[in-house]
């Protein structure tokens, strides 16, 4: 898009230059037909040099204006890039903080899970111990029941 803008600007400058050239030729023709003035070679040479310098100065002024616009555009683009970079860095920091938060939550959940597992193992051991105690008591009851039926 920037290339296209430069191309359009160059065409516009060329058209302006051609238009000025046309006006200058018309003016020169009117002067020559109405008031033809003949000068010596030295005067003509100085006038031509002055005219050439004026054209060069105009072209350089236009180039300076173009470069100033390009510089302004580059400064604006750099500011925009810096802004986007700051936003990206802020997003990255937020994502890192969220990752740390999620990691802490996961660690806490893991600790809670481990505590529950320990509690479940302890309860299972208690259940197994009581189950053994019940079996021992059942065996004692059966033994005593068997002796009672023999004694009776």
N, C-alpha and C. Protein backbone atom coordinates (compact mmCIF):
# COMPACT_ATOMS: atom_id res chain seq x y z
N UNK A 1 0.83 -1.18 0.00
CA UNK A 1 0.00 0.00 0.00
C UNK A 1 0.88 1.24 0.00
N UNK A 2 2.00 1.18 0.74
CA UNK A 2 2.92 2.30 0.78
C UNK A 2 3.57 2.50 -0.58
N UNK A 3 3.92 1.37 -1.25
CA UNK A 3 4.49 1.45 -2.60
C UNK A 3 3.50 2.13 -3.55
N UNK A 4 2.23 1.77 -3.42
CA UNK A 4 1.19 2.34 -4.27
C UNK A 4 1.08 3.84 -4.04
N UNK A 5 1.18 4.25 -2.78
CA UNK A 5 1.12 5.67 -2.43
C UNK A 5 2.29 6.43 -3.03
N UNK A 6 3.48 5.81 -3.00
CA UNK A 6 4.66 6.46 -3.58
C UNK A 6 4.50 6.59 -5.10
N UNK A 7 3.98 5.53 -5.71
CA UNK A 7 3.76 5.55 -7.16
C UNK A 7 2.80 6.64 -7.55
N UNK A 8 1.69 6.75 -6.82
CA UNK A 8 0.69 7.80 -7.09
C UNK A 8 1.30 9.18 -6.88
N UNK A 9 2.11 9.31 -5.86
CA UNK A 9 2.74 10.59 -5.56
C UNK A 9 3.71 10.97 -6.69
N UNK A 10 4.47 10.00 -7.19
CA UNK A 10 5.41 10.27 -8.28
C UNK A 10 4.67 10.68 -9.54
N UNK A 11 3.56 9.98 -9.84
CA UNK A 11 2.76 10.35 -11.02
C UNK A 11 2.22 11.77 -10.86
N UNK A 12 1.75 12.04 -9.66
CA UNK A 12 1.21 13.38 -9.41
C UNK A 12 2.28 14.44 -9.60
N UNK A 13 3.48 14.17 -9.08
CA UNK A 13 4.60 15.11 -9.22
C UNK A 13 4.97 15.27 -10.70
N UNK A 14 5.00 14.15 -11.41
CA UNK A 14 5.34 14.22 -12.84
C UNK A 14 4.31 15.03 -13.61
N UNK A 15 3.05 14.86 -13.30
CA UNK A 15 1.98 15.60 -13.98
C UNK A 15 2.10 17.09 -13.67
N UNK A 16 2.40 17.41 -12.41
CA UNK A 16 2.57 18.82 -12.03
C UNK A 16 3.76 19.41 -12.80
N UNK A 17 4.85 18.64 -12.86
CA UNK A 17 6.04 19.12 -13.59
C UNK A 17 5.72 19.35 -15.06
N UNK A 18 4.99 18.42 -15.68
CA UNK A 18 4.62 18.58 -17.08
C UNK A 18 3.72 19.80 -17.28
N UNK A 19 2.80 19.98 -16.36
CA UNK A 19 1.91 21.14 -16.44
C UNK A 19 2.70 22.44 -16.34
N UNK A 20 3.65 22.50 -15.38
CA UNK A 20 4.49 23.69 -15.24
C UNK A 20 5.32 23.91 -16.49
N UNK A 21 5.83 22.82 -17.04
CA UNK A 21 6.62 22.93 -18.27
C UNK A 21 5.77 23.50 -19.40
N UNK A 22 4.55 23.03 -19.51
CA UNK A 22 3.63 23.55 -20.53
C UNK A 22 3.38 25.03 -20.35
N UNK A 23 3.12 25.45 -19.10
CA UNK A 23 2.89 26.87 -18.81
C UNK A 23 4.14 27.69 -19.13
N UNK A 24 5.30 27.15 -18.78
CA UNK A 24 6.56 27.87 -19.06
C UNK A 24 6.77 28.02 -20.57
N UNK A 25 6.47 26.96 -21.31
CA UNK A 25 6.61 27.04 -22.76
C UNK A 25 5.65 28.06 -23.37
N UNK A 26 4.42 28.06 -22.87
CA UNK A 26 3.44 29.05 -23.34
C UNK A 26 3.92 30.46 -23.03
N UNK A 27 4.40 30.66 -21.83
CA UNK A 27 4.89 31.99 -21.44
C UNK A 27 6.08 32.39 -22.29
N UNK A 28 6.98 31.46 -22.50
CA UNK A 28 8.16 31.74 -23.31
C UNK A 28 7.76 32.08 -24.75
N UNK A 29 6.80 31.34 -25.26
CA UNK A 29 6.35 31.60 -26.63
C UNK A 29 5.71 32.98 -26.73
N UNK A 30 4.88 33.35 -25.74
CA UNK A 30 4.26 34.68 -25.75
C UNK A 30 5.33 35.78 -25.67
N UNK A 31 6.32 35.56 -24.81
CA UNK A 31 7.38 36.55 -24.67
C UNK A 31 8.16 36.67 -25.97
N UNK A 32 8.47 35.54 -26.55
CA UNK A 32 9.26 35.58 -27.80
C UNK A 32 8.48 36.23 -28.94
N UNK A 33 7.19 35.94 -29.00
CA UNK A 33 6.40 36.54 -30.09
C UNK A 33 6.12 38.02 -29.84
N UNK A 34 5.92 38.40 -28.59
CA UNK A 34 5.59 39.79 -28.28
C UNK A 34 6.84 40.64 -28.07
N UNK A 35 7.74 40.14 -27.30
CA UNK A 35 8.90 40.95 -26.93
C UNK A 35 10.17 40.11 -27.06
N UNK A 36 10.56 39.84 -28.21
CA UNK A 36 11.76 39.05 -28.41
C UNK A 36 12.95 39.85 -27.95
N UNK A 37 13.71 39.26 -27.06
CA UNK A 37 14.90 39.92 -26.54
C UNK A 37 16.07 39.02 -26.84
N UNK A 38 17.09 39.60 -27.35
CA UNK A 38 18.28 38.83 -27.64
C UNK A 38 19.35 39.23 -26.65
N UNK A 39 19.98 38.21 -26.06
CA UNK A 39 21.04 38.49 -25.08
C UNK A 39 22.30 37.79 -25.53
N UNK A 40 23.38 38.22 -24.94
CA UNK A 40 24.64 37.56 -25.31
C UNK A 40 24.73 36.19 -24.63
N UNK A 41 25.69 35.42 -25.05
CA UNK A 41 25.84 34.04 -24.55
C UNK A 41 26.09 34.01 -23.04
N UNK A 42 26.85 34.94 -22.52
CA UNK A 42 27.17 34.96 -21.09
C UNK A 42 25.91 35.21 -20.26
N UNK A 43 25.10 36.16 -20.65
CA UNK A 43 23.85 36.46 -19.94
C UNK A 43 22.89 35.28 -20.04
N UNK A 44 22.80 34.69 -21.25
CA UNK A 44 21.93 33.53 -21.44
C UNK A 44 22.39 32.36 -20.58
N UNK A 45 23.69 32.16 -20.51
CA UNK A 45 24.27 31.07 -19.73
C UNK A 45 23.95 31.26 -18.25
N UNK A 46 24.10 32.49 -17.75
CA UNK A 46 23.80 32.78 -16.34
C UNK A 46 22.31 32.58 -16.06
N UNK A 47 21.46 33.01 -16.97
CA UNK A 47 20.01 32.86 -16.78
C UNK A 47 19.64 31.38 -16.80
N UNK A 48 20.26 30.64 -17.70
CA UNK A 48 19.98 29.20 -17.77
C UNK A 48 20.43 28.51 -16.49
N UNK A 49 21.62 28.88 -15.99
CA UNK A 49 22.12 28.30 -14.75
C UNK A 49 21.19 28.63 -13.59
N UNK A 50 20.73 29.87 -13.53
CA UNK A 50 19.81 30.29 -12.47
C UNK A 50 18.50 29.50 -12.56
N UNK A 51 18.00 29.34 -13.77
CA UNK A 51 16.77 28.59 -13.98
C UNK A 51 16.94 27.13 -13.55
N UNK A 52 18.07 26.55 -13.94
CA UNK A 52 18.36 25.15 -13.57
C UNK A 52 18.46 25.00 -12.06
N UNK A 53 19.12 25.94 -11.42
CA UNK A 53 19.26 25.90 -9.96
C UNK A 53 17.90 26.02 -9.29
N UNK A 54 17.03 26.88 -9.82
CA UNK A 54 15.68 27.03 -9.27
C UNK A 54 14.92 25.72 -9.37
N UNK A 55 15.02 25.06 -10.53
CA UNK A 55 14.34 23.76 -10.70
C UNK A 55 14.91 22.71 -9.74
N UNK A 56 16.22 22.71 -9.60
CA UNK A 56 16.86 21.75 -8.68
C UNK A 56 16.40 22.01 -7.25
N UNK A 57 16.34 23.28 -6.85
CA UNK A 57 15.89 23.62 -5.49
C UNK A 57 14.46 23.16 -5.29
N UNK A 58 13.60 23.39 -6.27
CA UNK A 58 12.19 22.95 -6.16
C UNK A 58 12.11 21.44 -6.00
N UNK A 59 12.89 20.71 -6.82
CA UNK A 59 12.88 19.24 -6.75
C UNK A 59 13.37 18.78 -5.38
N UNK A 60 14.42 19.43 -4.87
CA UNK A 60 14.94 19.05 -3.56
C UNK A 60 13.95 19.36 -2.45
N UNK A 61 13.25 20.49 -2.56
CA UNK A 61 12.22 20.82 -1.56
C UNK A 61 11.12 19.77 -1.56
N UNK A 62 10.70 19.35 -2.76
CA UNK A 62 9.68 18.30 -2.84
C UNK A 62 10.19 17.00 -2.25
N UNK A 63 11.46 16.68 -2.49
CA UNK A 63 12.04 15.44 -1.94
C UNK A 63 12.08 15.52 -0.42
N UNK A 64 12.43 16.69 0.12
CA UNK A 64 12.47 16.88 1.57
C UNK A 64 11.07 16.67 2.15
N UNK A 65 10.05 17.24 1.51
CA UNK A 65 8.67 17.07 1.98
C UNK A 65 8.27 15.60 1.97
N UNK A 66 8.65 14.90 0.89
CA UNK A 66 8.34 13.47 0.79
C UNK A 66 9.03 12.70 1.92
N UNK A 67 10.31 12.99 2.13
CA UNK A 67 11.05 12.31 3.20
C UNK A 67 10.47 12.62 4.58
N UNK A 68 10.01 13.85 4.78
CA UNK A 68 9.38 14.21 6.05
C UNK A 68 8.11 13.40 6.28
N UNK A 69 7.30 13.25 5.22
CA UNK A 69 6.07 12.44 5.34
C UNK A 69 6.42 10.98 5.63
N UNK A 70 7.44 10.45 4.94
CA UNK A 70 7.87 9.06 5.19
C UNK A 70 8.38 8.89 6.62
N UNK A 71 9.13 9.89 7.10
CA UNK A 71 9.63 9.84 8.47
C UNK A 71 8.48 9.86 9.47
N UNK A 72 7.50 10.73 9.24
CA UNK A 72 6.32 10.77 10.12
C UNK A 72 5.61 9.42 10.13
N UNK A 73 5.47 8.81 8.95
CA UNK A 73 4.82 7.51 8.87
C UNK A 73 5.63 6.45 9.61
N UNK A 74 6.96 6.50 9.48
CA UNK A 74 7.81 5.54 10.17
C UNK A 74 7.73 5.71 11.68
N UNK A 75 7.69 6.96 12.14
CA UNK A 75 7.58 7.23 13.58
C UNK A 75 6.24 6.71 14.11
N UNK A 76 5.18 6.94 13.35
CA UNK A 76 3.86 6.45 13.75
C UNK A 76 3.85 4.93 13.80
N UNK A 77 4.44 4.29 12.79
CA UNK A 77 4.49 2.82 12.76
C UNK A 77 5.30 2.28 13.93
N UNK A 78 6.41 2.94 14.26
CA UNK A 78 7.24 2.50 15.39
C UNK A 78 6.48 2.63 16.70
N UNK A 79 5.76 3.73 16.86
CA UNK A 79 4.96 3.92 18.08
C UNK A 79 3.89 2.85 18.19
N UNK A 80 3.26 2.54 17.06
CA UNK A 80 2.25 1.49 17.04
C UNK A 80 2.87 0.14 17.40
N UNK A 81 4.04 -0.14 16.85
CA UNK A 81 4.73 -1.41 17.14
C UNK A 81 5.10 -1.49 18.62
N UNK A 82 5.58 -0.38 19.18
CA UNK A 82 5.91 -0.37 20.61
C UNK A 82 4.67 -0.64 21.46
N UNK A 83 3.57 -0.02 21.07
CA UNK A 83 2.31 -0.23 21.80
C UNK A 83 1.89 -1.69 21.74
N UNK A 84 1.96 -2.28 20.54
CA UNK A 84 1.60 -3.69 20.40
C UNK A 84 2.53 -4.58 21.22
N UNK A 85 3.81 -4.23 21.24
CA UNK A 85 4.78 -5.01 22.02
C UNK A 85 4.44 -4.94 23.51
N UNK A 86 4.11 -3.74 24.00
CA UNK A 86 3.74 -3.60 25.41
C UNK A 86 2.49 -4.43 25.72
N UNK A 87 1.51 -4.41 24.81
CA UNK A 87 0.30 -5.19 25.03
C UNK A 87 0.62 -6.69 25.05
N UNK A 88 1.49 -7.11 24.13
CA UNK A 88 1.87 -8.53 24.09
C UNK A 88 2.60 -8.93 25.36
N UNK A 89 3.50 -8.06 25.84
CA UNK A 89 4.22 -8.35 27.08
C UNK A 89 3.27 -8.42 28.26
N UNK A 90 2.30 -7.52 28.31
CA UNK A 90 1.31 -7.55 29.39
C UNK A 90 0.49 -8.84 29.32
N UNK A 91 0.11 -9.24 28.12
CA UNK A 91 -0.62 -10.50 27.95
C UNK A 91 0.21 -11.69 28.38
N UNK A 92 1.49 -11.66 28.06
CA UNK A 92 2.38 -12.75 28.46
C UNK A 92 2.50 -12.81 29.98
N UNK A 93 2.67 -11.65 30.61
CA UNK A 93 2.76 -11.62 32.08
C UNK A 93 1.48 -12.15 32.71
N UNK A 94 0.34 -11.76 32.16
CA UNK A 94 -0.94 -12.24 32.69
C UNK A 94 -1.05 -13.75 32.53
N UNK A 95 -0.61 -14.26 31.37
CA UNK A 95 -0.66 -15.70 31.14
C UNK A 95 0.28 -16.44 32.10
N UNK A 96 1.45 -15.87 32.34
CA UNK A 96 2.39 -16.50 33.28
C UNK A 96 1.82 -16.52 34.69
N UNK A 97 1.19 -15.41 35.10
CA UNK A 97 0.58 -15.36 36.43
C UNK A 97 -0.54 -16.40 36.54
N UNK A 98 -1.34 -16.51 35.49
CA UNK A 98 -2.43 -17.50 35.49
C UNK A 98 -1.86 -18.91 35.55
N UNK A 99 -0.77 -19.16 34.82
CA UNK A 99 -0.14 -20.48 34.85
C UNK A 99 0.38 -20.78 36.25
N UNK A 100 0.96 -19.79 36.93
CA UNK A 100 1.43 -19.99 38.31
C UNK A 100 0.25 -20.28 39.24
N UNK A 101 -0.83 -19.55 39.02
CA UNK A 101 -2.03 -19.75 39.85
C UNK A 101 -2.59 -21.17 39.65
N UNK A 102 -2.67 -21.58 38.40
CA UNK A 102 -3.18 -22.93 38.10
C UNK A 102 -2.25 -23.98 38.69
N UNK A 103 -0.95 -23.74 38.61
CA UNK A 103 0.02 -24.69 39.18
C UNK A 103 -0.16 -24.79 40.69
N UNK A 104 -0.33 -23.65 41.35
CA UNK A 104 -0.57 -23.68 42.81
C UNK A 104 -1.86 -24.44 43.14
N UNK A 105 -2.91 -24.17 42.36
CA UNK A 105 -4.17 -24.88 42.59
C UNK A 105 -3.99 -26.38 42.41
N UNK A 106 -3.24 -26.76 41.38
CA UNK A 106 -2.98 -28.18 41.13
C UNK A 106 -2.17 -28.80 42.26
N UNK A 107 -1.16 -28.08 42.74
CA UNK A 107 -0.37 -28.59 43.87
C UNK A 107 -1.23 -28.75 45.11
N UNK A 108 -2.09 -27.75 45.37
CA UNK A 108 -2.99 -27.84 46.54
C UNK A 108 -3.95 -29.01 46.39
N UNK A 109 -4.48 -29.18 45.19
CA UNK A 109 -5.39 -30.31 44.94
C UNK A 109 -4.67 -31.63 45.14
N UNK A 110 -3.43 -31.69 44.70
CA UNK A 110 -2.62 -32.91 44.88
C UNK A 110 -2.42 -33.20 46.36
N UNK A 111 -2.11 -32.17 47.14
CA UNK A 111 -1.91 -32.35 48.58
C UNK A 111 -3.20 -32.85 49.24
N UNK A 112 -4.32 -32.23 48.86
CA UNK A 112 -5.61 -32.65 49.42
C UNK A 112 -5.89 -34.10 49.03
N UNK A 113 -5.62 -34.45 47.79
CA UNK A 113 -5.82 -35.82 47.32
C UNK A 113 -4.96 -36.79 48.12
N UNK A 114 -3.69 -36.42 48.34
CA UNK A 114 -2.80 -37.28 49.12
C UNK A 114 -3.33 -37.47 50.54
N UNK A 115 -3.82 -36.38 51.15
CA UNK A 115 -4.38 -36.49 52.51
C UNK A 115 -5.60 -37.41 52.51
N UNK A 116 -6.45 -37.27 51.50
CA UNK A 116 -7.62 -38.16 51.42
C UNK A 116 -7.20 -39.61 51.24
N UNK A 117 -6.18 -39.81 50.41
CA UNK A 117 -5.70 -41.19 50.19
C UNK A 117 -5.17 -41.79 51.49
N UNK A 118 -4.40 -40.99 52.24
CA UNK A 118 -3.89 -41.46 53.53
C UNK A 118 -5.05 -41.80 54.47
N UNK A 119 -6.04 -40.93 54.48
CA UNK A 119 -7.21 -41.15 55.33
C UNK A 119 -7.95 -42.42 54.90
N UNK A 120 -8.11 -42.61 53.58
CA UNK A 120 -8.77 -43.82 53.09
C UNK A 120 -7.98 -45.07 53.44
N UNK A 121 -6.66 -45.03 53.32
CA UNK A 121 -5.83 -46.19 53.69
C UNK A 121 -5.98 -46.50 55.18
N UNK A 122 -5.96 -45.44 55.98
CA UNK A 122 -6.10 -45.64 57.43
C UNK A 122 -7.46 -46.27 57.74
N UNK A 123 -8.51 -45.78 57.08
CA UNK A 123 -9.86 -46.34 57.31
C UNK A 123 -9.92 -47.79 56.82
N UNK A 124 -9.26 -48.05 55.66
CA UNK A 124 -9.28 -49.42 55.14
C UNK A 124 -8.53 -50.36 56.09
N UNK A 125 -7.42 -49.88 56.64
CA UNK A 125 -6.68 -50.70 57.62
C UNK A 125 -7.55 -50.95 58.85
N UNK A 126 -8.26 -49.89 59.28
CA UNK A 126 -9.14 -50.05 60.45
C UNK A 126 -10.25 -51.05 60.14
N UNK A 127 -10.82 -50.95 58.92
CA UNK A 127 -11.88 -51.89 58.52
C UNK A 127 -11.32 -53.31 58.48
N UNK A 128 -10.13 -53.49 57.91
CA UNK A 128 -9.50 -54.81 57.84
C UNK A 128 -9.25 -55.35 59.25
N UNK A 129 -8.77 -54.50 60.13
CA UNK A 129 -8.51 -54.93 61.53
C UNK A 129 -9.81 -55.33 62.20
N UNK A 130 -10.85 -54.54 62.01
CA UNK A 130 -12.14 -54.88 62.63
C UNK A 130 -12.71 -56.15 62.00
N UNK A 131 -12.50 -56.28 60.67
CA UNK A 131 -12.97 -57.49 59.98
C UNK A 131 -12.28 -58.72 60.57
N UNK A 132 -10.96 -58.62 60.81
CA UNK A 132 -10.24 -59.74 61.45
C UNK A 132 -10.76 -60.00 62.86
N UNK A 133 -10.99 -58.89 63.58
CA UNK A 133 -11.52 -59.05 64.96
C UNK A 133 -12.88 -59.74 64.93
N UNK A 134 -13.74 -59.36 63.94
CA UNK A 134 -15.06 -59.97 63.81
C UNK A 134 -14.91 -61.46 63.51
N UNK A 135 -14.00 -61.81 62.63
CA UNK A 135 -13.79 -63.23 62.29
C UNK A 135 -13.29 -64.01 63.49
N UNK A 136 -12.40 -63.38 64.26
CA UNK A 136 -11.90 -64.05 65.48
C UNK A 136 -13.06 -64.24 66.44
N UNK A 137 -13.88 -63.19 66.59
CA UNK A 137 -15.02 -63.31 67.51
C UNK A 137 -16.01 -64.35 67.01
N UNK A 138 -16.24 -64.40 65.68
CA UNK A 138 -17.13 -65.42 65.13
C UNK A 138 -16.58 -66.82 65.40
N UNK A 139 -15.27 -66.96 65.24
CA UNK A 139 -14.65 -68.26 65.50
C UNK A 139 -14.79 -68.64 66.97
N UNK A 140 -14.63 -67.65 67.85
CA UNK A 140 -14.78 -67.92 69.29
C UNK A 140 -16.22 -68.31 69.58
N UNK A 141 -17.15 -67.57 68.95
CA UNK A 141 -18.57 -67.87 69.17
C UNK A 141 -18.89 -69.28 68.68
N UNK A 142 -18.38 -69.62 67.53
CA UNK A 142 -18.65 -70.97 67.00
C UNK A 142 -18.02 -72.03 67.91
N UNK A 143 -16.85 -71.72 68.40
CA UNK A 143 -16.19 -72.68 69.29
C UNK A 143 -16.99 -72.83 70.56
N UNK A 144 -17.44 -71.70 71.10
CA UNK A 144 -18.21 -71.76 72.34
C UNK A 144 -19.58 -72.41 72.09
N UNK A 145 -20.17 -72.12 70.91
CA UNK A 145 -21.45 -72.73 70.58
C UNK A 145 -21.30 -74.23 70.46
N UNK A 146 -20.22 -74.63 69.88
CA UNK A 146 -19.98 -76.06 69.71
C UNK A 146 -19.77 -76.74 71.06
N UNK A 147 -19.13 -76.11 72.03
CA UNK A 147 -18.89 -76.70 73.33
C UNK A 147 -20.19 -76.75 74.12
N UNK A 148 -21.04 -75.73 73.95
CA UNK A 148 -22.30 -75.71 74.68
C UNK A 148 -23.19 -76.87 74.21
N UNK A 149 -23.18 -77.08 72.88
CA UNK A 149 -24.02 -78.15 72.38
C UNK A 149 -23.44 -79.49 72.83
N UNK A 150 -22.18 -79.64 73.05
CA UNK A 150 -21.59 -80.87 73.56
C UNK A 150 -21.85 -80.99 75.04
N UNK A 151 -21.86 -79.88 75.74
CA UNK A 151 -22.04 -79.94 77.19
C UNK A 151 -23.51 -80.11 77.51
N UNK A 152 -24.40 -79.72 76.71
CA UNK A 152 -25.79 -79.73 76.98
C UNK A 152 -26.41 -81.02 76.85
